[in-house]
Amino acid sequence: ELVPLSTLSDGLVELLEAERAQGRRSWLVLSPLSLVDGATLGALLEARRRGGDFVLFGRYPMDLP
């Protein structure tokens, strides 16, 4: 059973608030970004909309010859 978007987003905001209360800003690194599903990305963006203070950083892998 999946957790509702609002519950997941509110929980994430609450977790991040503990970091902010200590004067730190959280970084969520999505690497590689191509492996993050739409539901997870939606929950992270919803947490931002609800006041979550974090940097969302995604990267695509680069293969060099």
N, C-alpha and C. Protein backbone atom coordinates (compact mmCIF):
# COMPACT_ATOMS: atom_id res chain seq x y z
N GLU A 1 0.84 -1.18 0.00
CA GLU A 1 0.00 0.00 0.00
C GLU A 1 0.89 1.25 0.00
N LEU A 2 0.58 2.17 -0.88
CA LEU A 2 1.36 3.39 -0.98
C LEU A 2 0.92 4.42 0.06
N VAL A 3 1.86 5.19 0.52
CA VAL A 3 1.59 6.27 1.47
C VAL A 3 1.00 7.45 0.68
N PRO A 4 -0.05 8.10 1.20
CA PRO A 4 -0.61 9.26 0.49
C PRO A 4 0.43 10.38 0.33
N LEU A 5 0.35 11.08 -0.77
CA LEU A 5 1.29 12.15 -1.07
C LEU A 5 1.36 13.18 0.06
N SER A 6 0.23 13.58 0.59
CA SER A 6 0.23 14.60 1.64
C SER A 6 0.95 14.11 2.90
N THR A 7 0.75 12.85 3.26
CA THR A 7 1.40 12.28 4.44
C THR A 7 2.91 12.21 4.25
N LEU A 8 3.33 11.75 3.09
CA LEU A 8 4.75 11.63 2.79
C LEU A 8 5.42 13.01 2.76
N SER A 9 4.79 13.96 2.11
CA SER A 9 5.35 15.30 2.00
C SER A 9 5.43 15.99 3.36
N ASP A 10 4.37 15.87 4.16
CA ASP A 10 4.38 16.47 5.49
C ASP A 10 5.46 15.85 6.37
N GLY A 11 5.64 14.54 6.27
CA GLY A 11 6.69 13.88 7.04
C GLY A 11 8.07 14.36 6.65
N LEU A 12 8.28 14.55 5.36
CA LEU A 12 9.57 15.03 4.88
C LEU A 12 9.83 16.46 5.38
N VAL A 13 8.81 17.30 5.33
CA VAL A 13 8.95 18.67 5.82
C VAL A 13 9.32 18.65 7.30
N GLU A 14 8.69 17.79 8.07
CA GLU A 14 8.98 17.69 9.50
C GLU A 14 10.42 17.24 9.75
N LEU A 15 10.88 16.25 9.00
CA LEU A 15 12.28 15.81 9.13
C LEU A 15 13.26 16.93 8.79
N LEU A 16 12.97 17.64 7.74
CA LEU A 16 13.86 18.71 7.31
C LEU A 16 13.85 19.89 8.27
N GLU A 17 12.73 20.10 8.94
CA GLU A 17 12.62 21.20 9.90
C GLU A 17 13.61 21.01 11.05
N ALA A 18 13.86 19.78 11.46
CA ALA A 18 14.83 19.52 12.53
C ALA A 18 16.23 19.98 12.10
N GLU A 19 16.57 19.77 10.85
CA GLU A 19 17.86 20.24 10.34
C GLU A 19 17.91 21.76 10.31
N ARG A 20 16.83 22.36 9.85
CA ARG A 20 16.79 23.82 9.74
C ARG A 20 16.87 24.47 11.12
N ALA A 21 16.26 23.85 12.12
CA ALA A 21 16.29 24.38 13.48
C ALA A 21 17.72 24.41 14.03
N GLN A 22 18.59 23.56 13.49
CA GLN A 22 19.99 23.54 13.91
C GLN A 22 20.87 24.40 13.00
N GLY A 23 20.23 25.18 12.14
CA GLY A 23 20.98 26.09 11.27
C GLY A 23 21.58 25.45 10.04
N ARG A 24 21.08 24.28 9.67
CA ARG A 24 21.62 23.58 8.49
C ARG A 24 20.53 23.48 7.42
N ARG A 25 20.98 23.52 6.19
CA ARG A 25 20.06 23.32 5.07
C ARG A 25 20.38 21.98 4.43
N SER A 26 19.38 21.17 4.28
CA SER A 26 19.57 19.82 3.73
C SER A 26 19.72 19.85 2.22
N TRP A 27 20.53 18.93 1.72
CA TRP A 27 20.69 18.70 0.29
C TRP A 27 20.19 17.29 0.01
N LEU A 28 19.27 17.16 -0.91
CA LEU A 28 18.80 15.85 -1.35
C LEU A 28 19.39 15.62 -2.74
N VAL A 29 20.26 14.64 -2.83
CA VAL A 29 20.97 14.36 -4.07
C VAL A 29 20.32 13.16 -4.76
N LEU A 30 19.86 13.37 -5.96
CA LEU A 30 19.24 12.32 -6.77
C LEU A 30 20.24 11.93 -7.85
N SER A 31 20.87 10.80 -7.67
CA SER A 31 21.94 10.43 -8.59
C SER A 31 21.92 8.92 -8.85
N PRO A 32 21.71 8.53 -10.07
CA PRO A 32 21.38 9.34 -11.23
C PRO A 32 19.89 9.70 -11.23
N LEU A 33 19.62 10.87 -11.69
CA LEU A 33 18.25 11.38 -11.72
C LEU A 33 17.32 10.49 -12.53
N SER A 34 17.85 9.82 -13.52
CA SER A 34 17.03 8.98 -14.39
C SER A 34 16.41 7.78 -13.66
N LEU A 35 16.91 7.45 -12.47
CA LEU A 35 16.35 6.32 -11.71
C LEU A 35 15.30 6.75 -10.69
N VAL A 36 15.00 8.04 -10.62
CA VAL A 36 13.99 8.54 -9.68
C VAL A 36 12.64 8.52 -10.38
N ASP A 37 11.67 7.85 -9.77
CA ASP A 37 10.35 7.76 -10.40
C ASP A 37 9.55 9.04 -10.18
N GLY A 38 8.51 9.19 -10.97
CA GLY A 38 7.69 10.38 -10.93
C GLY A 38 7.00 10.61 -9.61
N ALA A 39 6.58 9.54 -8.94
CA ALA A 39 5.89 9.67 -7.65
C ALA A 39 6.84 10.24 -6.59
N THR A 40 8.07 9.77 -6.59
CA THR A 40 9.05 10.27 -5.62
C THR A 40 9.37 11.73 -5.88
N LEU A 41 9.61 12.06 -7.14
CA LEU A 41 9.89 13.45 -7.49
C LEU A 41 8.70 14.34 -7.15
N GLY A 42 7.49 13.85 -7.40
CA GLY A 42 6.29 14.61 -7.04
C GLY A 42 6.20 14.87 -5.55
N ALA A 43 6.54 13.88 -4.73
CA ALA A 43 6.50 14.04 -3.28
C ALA A 43 7.54 15.06 -2.81
N LEU A 44 8.72 15.02 -3.42
CA LEU A 44 9.75 16.00 -3.06
C LEU A 44 9.33 17.42 -3.44
N LEU A 45 8.77 17.58 -4.61
CA LEU A 45 8.31 18.90 -5.04
C LEU A 45 7.14 19.39 -4.18
N GLU A 46 6.28 18.48 -3.78
CA GLU A 46 5.17 18.84 -2.89
C GLU A 46 5.70 19.27 -1.53
N ALA A 47 6.74 18.60 -1.04
CA ALA A 47 7.35 19.00 0.23
C ALA A 47 7.92 20.41 0.13
N ARG A 48 8.53 20.74 -1.00
CA ARG A 48 9.02 22.11 -1.21
C ARG A 48 7.86 23.10 -1.19
N ARG A 49 6.77 22.74 -1.85
CA ARG A 49 5.61 23.63 -1.89
C ARG A 49 5.03 23.85 -0.50
N ARG A 50 5.14 22.85 0.36
CA ARG A 50 4.60 22.93 1.73
C ARG A 50 5.58 23.56 2.72
N GLY A 51 6.67 24.09 2.22
CA GLY A 51 7.59 24.82 3.09
C GLY A 51 8.88 24.10 3.43
N GLY A 52 9.12 22.95 2.83
CA GLY A 52 10.37 22.23 3.08
C GLY A 52 11.55 23.04 2.57
N ASP A 53 12.53 23.26 3.42
CA ASP A 53 13.69 24.05 3.05
C ASP A 53 14.85 23.11 2.75
N PHE A 54 15.02 22.79 1.48
CA PHE A 54 16.10 21.91 1.08
C PHE A 54 16.49 22.19 -0.36
N VAL A 55 17.70 21.81 -0.67
CA VAL A 55 18.20 21.91 -2.04
C VAL A 55 17.97 20.57 -2.70
N LEU A 56 17.36 20.58 -3.83
CA LEU A 56 17.11 19.36 -4.59
C LEU A 56 18.10 19.34 -5.75
N PHE A 57 19.01 18.40 -5.71
CA PHE A 57 20.10 18.34 -6.69
C PHE A 57 20.04 17.01 -7.42
N GLY A 58 19.85 17.07 -8.72
CA GLY A 58 19.83 15.86 -9.53
C GLY A 58 20.92 15.91 -10.58
N ARG A 59 21.48 14.76 -10.88
CA ARG A 59 22.51 14.75 -11.92
C ARG A 59 22.31 13.54 -12.82
N TYR A 60 22.69 13.74 -14.04
CA TYR A 60 22.70 12.65 -15.01
C TYR A 60 24.14 12.15 -15.11
N PRO A 61 24.33 10.86 -15.16
CA PRO A 61 25.71 10.37 -15.30
C PRO A 61 26.27 10.72 -16.68
N MET A 62 27.51 11.04 -16.69
CA MET A 62 28.19 11.37 -17.95
C MET A 62 29.29 10.34 -18.16
N ASP A 63 29.18 9.57 -19.21
CA ASP A 63 30.21 8.60 -19.54
C ASP A 63 31.17 9.23 -20.54
N LEU A 64 32.42 9.30 -20.14
CA LEU A 64 33.44 9.86 -21.03
C LEU A 64 34.23 8.74 -21.67
N PRO A 65 34.62 8.92 -22.95
CA PRO A 65 35.39 7.86 -23.63
C PRO A 65 36.77 7.69 -23.03
